[in-house]
N, C-alpha and C. Protein backbone atom coordinates (compact mmCIF):
# COMPACT_ATOMS: atom_id res chain seq x y z
N LEU A 1 -13.90 3.76 7.39
CA LEU A 1 -12.87 3.15 6.59
C LEU A 1 -13.46 1.95 5.90
N GLN A 2 -13.21 1.80 4.64
CA GLN A 2 -13.73 0.67 3.90
C GLN A 2 -12.58 -0.05 3.22
N LEU A 3 -12.60 -1.38 3.33
CA LEU A 3 -11.61 -2.23 2.70
C LEU A 3 -12.38 -3.24 1.86
N GLY A 4 -12.38 -3.04 0.55
CA GLY A 4 -13.23 -3.87 -0.31
C GLY A 4 -14.69 -3.58 0.05
N ASN A 5 -15.46 -4.63 0.36
CA ASN A 5 -16.85 -4.45 0.77
C ASN A 5 -17.02 -4.38 2.28
N ASP A 6 -15.92 -4.50 3.03
CA ASP A 6 -15.98 -4.52 4.49
C ASP A 6 -15.70 -3.14 5.07
N VAL A 7 -16.49 -2.75 6.05
CA VAL A 7 -16.26 -1.50 6.77
C VAL A 7 -15.41 -1.82 7.99
N VAL A 8 -14.32 -1.10 8.17
CA VAL A 8 -13.40 -1.32 9.29
C VAL A 8 -13.36 -0.05 10.13
N GLY A 9 -13.48 -0.20 11.44
CA GLY A 9 -13.35 0.96 12.32
C GLY A 9 -14.63 1.74 12.51
N TYR A 10 -15.77 1.17 12.19
CA TYR A 10 -17.04 1.83 12.43
C TYR A 10 -17.94 0.89 13.20
N TRP A 11 -18.53 1.40 14.25
CA TRP A 11 -19.49 0.62 15.03
C TRP A 11 -20.73 1.46 15.24
N PRO A 12 -21.92 0.93 14.94
CA PRO A 12 -23.15 1.71 15.08
C PRO A 12 -23.43 2.04 16.54
N THR A 13 -24.12 3.15 16.77
CA THR A 13 -24.43 3.59 18.13
C THR A 13 -25.26 2.57 18.89
N SER A 14 -25.98 1.72 18.20
CA SER A 14 -26.80 0.72 18.89
C SER A 14 -25.95 -0.26 19.70
N LEU A 15 -24.67 -0.42 19.35
CA LEU A 15 -23.78 -1.31 20.09
C LEU A 15 -23.21 -0.65 21.34
N PHE A 16 -23.11 0.67 21.35
CA PHE A 16 -22.49 1.40 22.44
C PHE A 16 -23.39 2.54 22.88
N THR A 17 -24.41 2.22 23.62
CA THR A 17 -25.39 3.25 23.98
C THR A 17 -24.78 4.37 24.82
N ASN A 18 -23.71 4.09 25.60
CA ASN A 18 -23.07 5.14 26.38
C ASN A 18 -22.28 6.11 25.50
N LEU A 19 -21.99 5.70 24.29
CA LEU A 19 -21.24 6.55 23.36
C LEU A 19 -22.13 7.07 22.23
N ALA A 20 -23.42 7.04 22.43
CA ALA A 20 -24.35 7.41 21.36
C ALA A 20 -24.13 8.83 20.87
N ASN A 21 -23.68 9.74 21.74
CA ASN A 21 -23.52 11.14 21.34
C ASN A 21 -22.09 11.53 21.03
N SER A 22 -21.15 10.99 21.79
CA SER A 22 -19.76 11.37 21.55
C SER A 22 -18.81 10.51 22.38
N ALA A 23 -17.52 10.66 22.09
CA ALA A 23 -16.46 9.99 22.86
C ALA A 23 -15.46 11.05 23.29
N LEU A 24 -14.80 10.83 24.39
CA LEU A 24 -13.78 11.76 24.86
C LEU A 24 -12.39 11.38 24.37
N THR A 25 -12.18 10.09 24.11
CA THR A 25 -10.87 9.60 23.70
C THR A 25 -11.02 8.58 22.57
N ILE A 26 -10.10 8.65 21.63
CA ILE A 26 -10.03 7.67 20.55
C ILE A 26 -8.60 7.17 20.53
N GLN A 27 -8.43 5.87 20.40
CA GLN A 27 -7.08 5.30 20.40
C GLN A 27 -6.86 4.46 19.15
N TRP A 28 -5.65 4.59 18.60
CA TRP A 28 -5.19 3.73 17.52
C TRP A 28 -3.90 3.08 18.00
N GLY A 29 -3.62 1.87 17.57
CA GLY A 29 -2.35 1.28 17.94
C GLY A 29 -2.38 -0.23 17.97
N GLY A 30 -1.48 -0.79 18.74
CA GLY A 30 -1.35 -2.23 18.85
C GLY A 30 -1.31 -2.66 20.30
N GLU A 31 -1.54 -3.94 20.52
CA GLU A 31 -1.52 -4.48 21.87
C GLU A 31 -1.01 -5.91 21.81
N VAL A 32 -0.21 -6.27 22.79
CA VAL A 32 0.34 -7.62 22.89
C VAL A 32 0.11 -8.11 24.31
N ILE A 33 -0.34 -9.34 24.44
CA ILE A 33 -0.46 -9.98 25.76
C ILE A 33 0.89 -10.55 26.13
N ASN A 34 1.38 -10.21 27.31
CA ASN A 34 2.68 -10.70 27.76
C ASN A 34 2.49 -11.50 29.04
N LEU A 35 2.47 -12.81 28.94
CA LEU A 35 2.34 -13.68 30.11
C LEU A 35 3.69 -14.02 30.72
N LYS A 36 4.77 -13.41 30.19
CA LYS A 36 6.14 -13.63 30.66
C LYS A 36 6.50 -15.11 30.74
N PRO A 37 6.46 -15.79 29.59
CA PRO A 37 6.84 -17.21 29.59
C PRO A 37 8.27 -17.39 30.08
N ASN A 38 8.49 -18.30 31.00
CA ASN A 38 9.81 -18.56 31.59
C ASN A 38 10.43 -17.30 32.20
N GLY A 39 9.57 -16.35 32.64
CA GLY A 39 10.05 -15.14 33.28
C GLY A 39 10.62 -14.10 32.34
N GLN A 40 10.50 -14.33 31.04
CA GLN A 40 11.02 -13.40 30.04
C GLN A 40 9.87 -12.73 29.32
N HIS A 41 10.20 -11.62 28.66
CA HIS A 41 9.19 -10.96 27.84
C HIS A 41 8.81 -11.88 26.68
N THR A 42 7.58 -11.79 26.23
CA THR A 42 7.12 -12.61 25.11
C THR A 42 7.89 -12.27 23.82
N THR A 43 7.99 -13.24 22.94
CA THR A 43 8.59 -13.00 21.63
C THR A 43 7.54 -12.55 20.61
N THR A 44 6.33 -12.34 21.09
CA THR A 44 5.26 -11.90 20.18
C THR A 44 5.59 -10.53 19.61
N GLN A 45 5.54 -10.44 18.30
CA GLN A 45 5.79 -9.17 17.62
C GLN A 45 4.54 -8.30 17.67
N MET A 46 4.75 -7.01 17.56
CA MET A 46 3.65 -6.08 17.36
C MET A 46 3.78 -5.53 15.95
N GLY A 47 2.68 -5.47 15.23
CA GLY A 47 2.73 -5.00 13.86
C GLY A 47 3.58 -5.94 13.02
N SER A 48 4.51 -5.38 12.27
CA SER A 48 5.38 -6.18 11.40
C SER A 48 6.56 -6.78 12.17
N GLY A 49 6.71 -6.38 13.44
CA GLY A 49 7.85 -6.84 14.22
C GLY A 49 9.05 -5.91 14.12
N HIS A 50 8.92 -4.86 13.33
CA HIS A 50 9.99 -3.89 13.15
C HIS A 50 9.70 -2.64 13.98
N PHE A 51 10.76 -2.00 14.49
CA PHE A 51 10.59 -0.76 15.22
C PHE A 51 10.19 0.37 14.27
N PRO A 52 9.47 1.37 14.78
CA PRO A 52 8.95 2.43 13.91
C PRO A 52 10.02 3.25 13.20
N GLU A 53 11.21 3.31 13.76
CA GLU A 53 12.28 4.09 13.14
C GLU A 53 12.65 3.57 11.75
N GLU A 54 12.25 2.33 11.43
CA GLU A 54 12.51 1.78 10.09
C GLU A 54 11.59 2.39 9.04
N GLY A 55 10.54 3.07 9.47
CA GLY A 55 9.66 3.77 8.55
C GLY A 55 8.89 2.85 7.62
N PHE A 56 8.52 3.40 6.49
CA PHE A 56 7.62 2.74 5.54
C PHE A 56 8.12 1.38 5.06
N LYS A 57 9.42 1.21 4.92
CA LYS A 57 9.96 -0.04 4.38
C LYS A 57 9.95 -1.20 5.36
N GLY A 58 9.73 -0.94 6.66
CA GLY A 58 9.78 -2.03 7.63
C GLY A 58 8.66 -2.02 8.65
N ALA A 59 8.36 -0.87 9.18
CA ALA A 59 7.41 -0.78 10.30
C ALA A 59 5.96 -0.78 9.83
N SER A 60 5.09 -1.14 10.74
CA SER A 60 3.65 -1.02 10.49
C SER A 60 3.25 0.43 10.70
N TYR A 61 2.13 0.81 10.14
CA TYR A 61 1.70 2.20 10.28
C TYR A 61 0.18 2.33 10.17
N PHE A 62 -0.31 3.42 10.71
CA PHE A 62 -1.68 3.87 10.50
C PHE A 62 -1.55 5.22 9.81
N LYS A 63 -2.33 5.45 8.77
CA LYS A 63 -2.25 6.73 8.07
C LYS A 63 -3.66 7.31 7.88
N ASN A 64 -3.69 8.59 7.59
CA ASN A 64 -4.93 9.32 7.34
C ASN A 64 -5.91 9.15 8.51
N LEU A 65 -5.42 9.38 9.73
CA LEU A 65 -6.26 9.26 10.92
C LEU A 65 -7.33 10.34 10.89
N GLN A 66 -8.57 9.92 11.04
CA GLN A 66 -9.68 10.86 11.05
C GLN A 66 -10.73 10.41 12.05
N VAL A 67 -11.52 11.37 12.49
CA VAL A 67 -12.64 11.10 13.38
C VAL A 67 -13.89 11.71 12.77
N VAL A 68 -15.04 11.24 13.20
CA VAL A 68 -16.31 11.81 12.75
C VAL A 68 -16.79 12.76 13.83
N ASP A 69 -17.04 14.02 13.47
CA ASP A 69 -17.49 14.99 14.46
C ASP A 69 -19.01 14.93 14.64
N VAL A 70 -19.55 15.82 15.46
CA VAL A 70 -20.99 15.78 15.78
C VAL A 70 -21.86 16.03 14.56
N SER A 71 -21.32 16.67 13.52
CA SER A 71 -22.10 16.89 12.30
C SER A 71 -21.90 15.75 11.29
N LYS A 72 -21.26 14.65 11.77
CA LYS A 72 -20.99 13.46 10.96
C LYS A 72 -20.07 13.75 9.78
N THR A 73 -19.10 14.64 10.03
CA THR A 73 -18.10 15.01 9.04
C THR A 73 -16.75 14.48 9.47
N LEU A 74 -15.99 13.90 8.55
CA LEU A 74 -14.64 13.44 8.86
C LEU A 74 -13.73 14.63 9.09
N ARG A 75 -12.98 14.57 10.19
CA ARG A 75 -12.08 15.65 10.58
C ARG A 75 -10.75 15.08 11.06
N SER A 76 -9.74 15.91 11.06
CA SER A 76 -8.47 15.56 11.69
C SER A 76 -8.73 15.38 13.18
N PRO A 77 -8.06 14.44 13.84
CA PRO A 77 -8.33 14.19 15.25
C PRO A 77 -7.84 15.27 16.20
N GLY A 78 -7.13 16.27 15.73
CA GLY A 78 -6.64 17.32 16.63
C GLY A 78 -5.34 16.90 17.27
N THR A 79 -5.15 17.22 18.53
CA THR A 79 -3.91 16.92 19.24
C THR A 79 -3.75 15.41 19.42
N LEU A 80 -2.60 14.90 19.03
CA LEU A 80 -2.31 13.48 19.15
C LEU A 80 -1.19 13.27 20.16
N TYR A 81 -1.30 12.22 20.96
CA TYR A 81 -0.30 11.86 21.95
C TYR A 81 0.12 10.42 21.71
N THR A 82 1.34 10.08 22.09
CA THR A 82 1.82 8.71 21.96
C THR A 82 2.11 8.12 23.34
N PHE A 83 2.03 6.80 23.42
CA PHE A 83 2.34 6.08 24.65
C PHE A 83 2.85 4.70 24.30
N SER A 84 3.92 4.29 24.94
CA SER A 84 4.44 2.94 24.83
C SER A 84 4.77 2.46 26.23
N ALA A 85 4.14 1.37 26.66
CA ALA A 85 4.36 0.85 28.01
C ALA A 85 5.76 0.28 28.17
N ASN A 86 6.37 -0.19 27.10
CA ASN A 86 7.70 -0.77 27.18
C ASN A 86 8.45 -0.47 25.88
N PRO A 87 9.05 0.72 25.79
CA PRO A 87 9.68 1.13 24.53
C PRO A 87 10.91 0.32 24.12
N ASN A 88 11.44 -0.49 25.02
CA ASN A 88 12.54 -1.38 24.61
C ASN A 88 12.02 -2.56 23.81
N CYS A 89 10.72 -2.83 23.92
CA CYS A 89 10.10 -3.96 23.22
C CYS A 89 9.26 -3.51 22.02
N TYR A 90 8.54 -2.38 22.22
CA TYR A 90 7.63 -1.86 21.20
C TYR A 90 7.65 -0.34 21.29
N ARG A 91 7.57 0.31 20.15
CA ARG A 91 7.60 1.77 20.14
C ARG A 91 6.56 2.33 19.17
N ILE A 92 6.38 3.64 19.28
CA ILE A 92 5.51 4.38 18.37
C ILE A 92 6.21 5.66 17.98
N LEU A 93 6.05 6.07 16.74
CA LEU A 93 6.68 7.29 16.23
C LEU A 93 5.63 8.08 15.46
N LEU A 94 5.19 9.17 16.05
CA LEU A 94 4.21 10.04 15.43
C LEU A 94 4.91 10.93 14.42
N GLU A 95 4.42 10.96 13.20
CA GLU A 95 5.01 11.78 12.15
C GLU A 95 4.17 13.02 11.92
N LYS A 96 4.76 14.01 11.26
CA LYS A 96 4.04 15.24 10.96
C LYS A 96 3.00 14.96 9.88
N CYS A 97 1.93 15.68 9.95
CA CYS A 97 0.85 15.55 8.97
C CYS A 97 1.40 15.86 7.57
N SER A 98 1.01 15.04 6.60
CA SER A 98 1.43 15.27 5.22
C SER A 98 0.20 15.32 4.32
N ASP A 99 0.35 15.93 3.15
CA ASP A 99 -0.76 15.99 2.21
C ASP A 99 -1.19 14.60 1.75
N ALA A 100 -0.21 13.72 1.54
CA ALA A 100 -0.50 12.39 1.02
C ALA A 100 -1.06 11.44 2.09
N TRP A 101 -0.56 11.52 3.33
CA TRP A 101 -0.93 10.55 4.36
C TRP A 101 -1.74 11.15 5.50
N GLY A 102 -1.97 12.44 5.52
CA GLY A 102 -2.68 13.05 6.63
C GLY A 102 -1.90 12.85 7.92
N ASN A 103 -2.60 12.69 9.05
CA ASN A 103 -1.94 12.35 10.31
C ASN A 103 -1.58 10.87 10.26
N TYR A 104 -0.35 10.54 10.66
CA TYR A 104 0.05 9.13 10.61
C TYR A 104 1.12 8.82 11.64
N PHE A 105 1.27 7.52 11.93
CA PHE A 105 2.33 7.08 12.84
C PHE A 105 2.79 5.69 12.46
N TYR A 106 4.06 5.42 12.80
CA TYR A 106 4.64 4.09 12.68
C TYR A 106 4.67 3.47 14.07
N TYR A 107 4.54 2.15 14.15
CA TYR A 107 4.55 1.51 15.45
C TYR A 107 5.01 0.07 15.31
N GLY A 108 5.35 -0.53 16.46
CA GLY A 108 5.66 -1.96 16.48
C GLY A 108 6.98 -2.27 17.16
N GLY A 109 7.34 -3.52 17.04
CA GLY A 109 8.58 -4.01 17.62
C GLY A 109 8.59 -5.51 17.67
N PRO A 110 9.77 -6.08 17.96
CA PRO A 110 9.93 -7.52 17.90
C PRO A 110 9.53 -8.27 19.16
N GLY A 111 9.22 -7.55 20.25
CA GLY A 111 9.04 -8.25 21.52
C GLY A 111 10.41 -8.49 22.12
N ARG A 112 10.62 -9.69 22.67
CA ARG A 112 11.90 -9.99 23.33
C ARG A 112 13.07 -9.74 22.39
N ASN A 113 14.06 -9.01 22.89
CA ASN A 113 15.28 -8.74 22.15
C ASN A 113 16.37 -8.41 23.17
N ALA A 114 17.56 -8.05 22.75
CA ALA A 114 18.67 -7.80 23.66
C ALA A 114 18.36 -6.71 24.70
N ASN A 115 17.56 -5.72 24.32
CA ASN A 115 17.19 -4.63 25.23
C ASN A 115 15.87 -4.87 25.93
N CYS A 116 15.22 -5.95 25.63
CA CYS A 116 13.91 -6.30 26.19
C CYS A 116 13.94 -7.78 26.59
N PRO A 117 14.63 -8.07 27.70
CA PRO A 117 14.80 -9.49 28.08
C PRO A 117 13.53 -10.13 28.64
């Protein structure tokens, strides 16, 4: 992935010698540290702070998910799974592959809210 002159999401094999030939799992998504200030869930947002059900107009997303195979060719990642440790605070919504966006998903949430005390 390239953004302007910067390459995003690529790390040379010299940095990860145990992964020089392949990986078994690839993950995309977000992460929030929750130290439970005052015994409550953090107010830290994930992504835009909007739940994925808001779609393109509100939620954060990853689109055109691809992996590099052993022949160094970009490919669809195959079977995709979702996981949310606390769906009342943060969620993920995997969408069907489209011609314009490839494999994609919406994700995020506001952190502490009425359903996530």
